[in-house]
Amino acid sequence: MLLPIILIIIGFILLLKCGDLFVDSATWIAEVSGIPKFIIGVTLVSFATTIPELLVSLMAVSSGYVSLGIGNAVGSTICNAGLILSLSILSIAGKIDDRRSFYIKSIMLFCALIMLFLFTCNDLFLSKLDAVLIFCIFLFFVYYNYNHMKEKTTSFKNRDDYIPQGKKKMSYKLALLIISGFGLVIGSRLLVDNTTALAEAFDIPHQIIGLTIVALGTSLPELTTTLTSIKKKEYSMSLGNIMGANILNLTMILPLCTFISKNGLTIDLQQLSLLHQPIAQTVWIDLPVSFLISFIFIVPTFLQKRFKKWQGALMLIIYFCYIIFLALNI
């Protein structure tokens, strides 16, 4: 009993310390390279913080737990936006530093959600062809970010007077970013595994463990990075991280899970306590909730050209209503 507690404490320390180093390194890279912090968040930071979701989903599908793999990827988008991004908006509502990129990423996210719903709503099945079409959004995401970063990056040859030791220091900061990213993954894994062990020791049902610990646990790197960004007032970094992570969850993780499966991904029916017949929860509850939360934080921002705190409050309310609904249906 003592060992899990010690490992949980180590996990928390890793998350806090690596979160600090991660945001500091990413912020430094953005400032000295001329790349907007939103772009750094949506690329480097989001790729690193999505590693836990990727590993959990791939391991689940390869082990035959398809529903867990799908639920983790889709559920993480709800947790990322409904809980983590809403906290960020409530703390530091304001403008974004790269409006054009935000609009394009928003379209990618909406397209991924709509395509996923349309491909699965009739036959509850995601085929390899469906996965290829969704994966094309990911390829465009990578292509667009690469070109956008090239466009925004200031040449280091002209910045050596501003950057001590120039490229050498950049290499050090990139290495620090990668190492601290791995630290976030290890810390979140320690926290999830050992909290789960404690919960099982106290006979907490596995459904509750999956609903709370696993769903939130794979989003801990995003949560840690966001809280650190809030503390350091790096709002655009937090926003970019969450948007990038959600696009990756839907357009990279789900297609990769489909590619490693034998035939494709079948979405199981589930009997919910409040309903009289089985329902495909992922299609008819999880995806619509993810779309609704995304709509609230994207569409008003198009119209207002900034985030308002009411958006964060409404997203948080929807997220907790969703969690309560699932808890009542266990």
Foldseek 3Di string as FASTA:
>chain_A
DVVLVVLLVVLVVLLQVLLLLQLVLLVVCCVLFQNFLLLSLLPLVQVLLLVLLLVQLQVCLVVPNLQLNLCLLLLLLLCLLLPQVLVLCLLDWKFAPDVVVLVVLLVLLLVLLVLVLVCCVPQQWQFLVSLVVLLVSVVVVVVVSVVSSVVRTDDQVVCCVPDPVGPVVNVVSVVSNNVSSVSNSSSLVSNLVSVVVVCVVVVNDPLVSSLPRVNVSSNSSLNSNSVSCSVVVVSSSSVSNSSSNSSCSRNPRQSVSQVPHDTGRGQDWDQFPVDDDTDRCVNPPSSVLSSVLSCLQRVVCVVVNIRHSVSSVVSNVSSVVSSVRSVNRD
